[in-house]
Amino acid sequence: MPQPIRWIDLPEEPVNALVTRRVIHTPAMTIIQLAYKKGGIVPLHHHVHAQVTMVQSGSLRMETTGQSVVVRAGESLDVPSNAPHLAEALEDATVVEVFVPARTDWIRK
């Protein structure tokens, strides 16, 4: 029987000094929960994975394809495959991101 996954039960991994993540991998996708402290940044990067960023609390300034947008609690942003993007926490924030296909690069570490 399938069992629920509780974010709090998953190990917390540091992304940098102000951002941590918890990760769920399935064969088809990777889902992460990020905890940002105000001012936390995930620097400009890109990857082959399509990504949807869903802000649960707080707000982020995101840049993608050279444009900047503020994404607030209850809002989402689609980040296309290979699009350069970054995120900066304007306040403490909790964010869920979905990546397709699965982030096998993270599984391999």
Protein backbone atom coordinates (compact mmCIF):
# COMPACT_ATOMS: atom_id res chain seq x y z
CA MET A 1 0.00 0.00 0.00
CA PRO A 2 1.39 3.44 -0.88
CA GLN A 3 2.46 5.53 2.10
CA PRO A 4 2.41 9.33 2.33
CA ILE A 5 5.75 11.09 2.27
CA ARG A 6 6.21 13.79 4.90
CA TRP A 7 8.66 16.56 3.97
CA ILE A 8 9.77 16.84 7.59
CA ASP A 9 10.86 13.17 7.54
CA LEU A 10 13.22 13.67 4.58
CA PRO A 11 16.85 14.67 5.14
CA GLU A 12 17.58 18.36 4.73
CA GLU A 13 20.48 19.13 2.37
CA PRO A 14 22.28 22.48 2.28
CA VAL A 15 22.23 24.22 -1.09
CA ASN A 16 24.21 27.14 0.34
CA ALA A 17 24.35 29.13 3.59
CA LEU A 18 20.78 30.49 3.21
CA VAL A 19 18.99 27.76 1.24
CA THR A 20 18.24 24.11 2.08
CA ARG A 21 16.28 21.43 0.22
CA ARG A 22 14.49 18.13 0.76
CA VAL A 23 14.19 15.82 -2.25
CA ILE A 24 11.75 13.21 -3.54
CA HIS A 25 12.82 11.19 -6.60
CA THR A 26 10.45 9.12 -8.72
CA PRO A 27 11.32 7.36 -11.98
CA ALA A 28 9.74 10.20 -14.00
CA MET A 29 10.33 13.36 -11.93
CA THR A 30 12.08 14.98 -9.02
CA ILE A 31 10.21 17.14 -6.50
CA ILE A 32 12.02 19.35 -4.01
CA GLN A 33 11.03 21.56 -1.12
CA LEU A 34 13.34 24.53 -0.66
CA ALA A 35 13.62 26.63 2.49
CA TYR A 36 15.05 30.09 1.78
CA LYS A 37 16.16 32.62 4.35
CA LYS A 38 15.69 36.24 3.26
CA GLY A 39 18.47 37.12 0.82
CA GLY A 40 19.15 33.49 -0.09
CA ILE A 41 20.09 33.03 -3.73
CA VAL A 42 20.24 30.08 -6.08
CA PRO A 43 22.63 31.57 -8.67
CA LEU A 44 22.12 31.70 -12.41
CA HIS A 45 22.17 28.20 -13.88
CA HIS A 46 20.38 26.06 -16.44
CA HIS A 47 19.55 22.40 -16.91
CA VAL A 48 17.82 20.16 -19.41
CA HIS A 49 14.92 19.57 -16.99
CA ALA A 50 11.65 21.46 -17.36
CA GLN A 51 10.85 23.05 -14.00
CA VAL A 52 7.80 24.45 -12.24
CA THR A 53 8.47 26.61 -9.17
CA MET A 54 5.56 26.93 -6.71
CA VAL A 55 5.94 29.43 -3.86
CA GLN A 56 4.16 28.16 -0.75
CA SER A 57 5.09 31.06 1.56
CA GLY A 58 7.13 34.23 1.22
CA SER A 59 8.27 35.55 -2.15
CA LEU A 60 11.09 35.13 -4.66
CA ARG A 61 12.53 37.33 -7.35
CA MET A 62 13.20 35.03 -10.26
CA GLU A 63 15.05 35.76 -13.45
CA THR A 64 14.51 33.55 -16.43
CA THR A 65 15.36 34.13 -20.07
CA GLY A 66 16.66 37.58 -19.12
CA GLN A 67 13.44 38.79 -17.48
CA SER A 68 12.78 39.37 -13.77
CA VAL A 69 9.49 38.55 -12.00
CA VAL A 70 8.36 38.41 -8.38
CA VAL A 71 6.61 35.14 -7.50
CA ARG A 72 4.56 35.26 -4.30
CA ALA A 73 2.87 32.68 -2.06
CA GLY A 74 0.20 30.84 -4.04
CA GLU A 75 1.89 31.60 -7.39
CA SER A 76 3.94 29.41 -9.73
CA LEU A 77 6.44 29.95 -12.52
CA ASP A 78 7.24 27.68 -15.45
CA VAL A 79 10.96 27.50 -16.28
CA PRO A 80 11.50 25.89 -19.69
CA SER A 81 14.20 23.33 -20.36
CA ASN A 82 17.69 24.89 -20.72
CA ALA A 83 16.46 28.40 -19.79
CA PRO A 84 19.04 30.26 -17.69
CA HIS A 85 17.40 31.20 -14.37
CA LEU A 86 18.09 32.29 -10.80
CA ALA A 87 16.06 32.80 -7.62
CA GLU A 88 16.49 35.30 -4.79
CA ALA A 89 14.39 35.25 -1.60
CA LEU A 90 12.84 38.65 -0.90
CA GLU A 91 11.78 37.25 2.49
CA ASP A 92 11.91 33.86 4.18
CA ALA A 93 10.20 31.48 1.75
CA THR A 94 9.13 27.87 1.31
CA VAL A 95 9.10 26.71 -2.31
CA VAL A 96 8.26 23.43 -4.04
CA GLU A 97 9.81 22.67 -7.42
CA VAL A 98 9.04 19.86 -9.85
CA PHE A 99 11.60 18.74 -12.44
CA VAL A 100 10.88 16.56 -15.47
CA PRO A 101 12.60 14.27 -16.26
CA ALA A 102 13.97 13.13 -12.89
CA ARG A 103 17.22 14.78 -11.71
CA THR A 104 19.42 11.73 -12.15
CA ASP A 105 22.42 14.07 -11.80
CA TRP A 106 21.38 14.58 -8.15
CA ILE A 107 20.81 10.86 -7.60
CA ARG A 108 24.35 10.12 -8.88
CA LYS A 109 25.83 13.11 -6.94
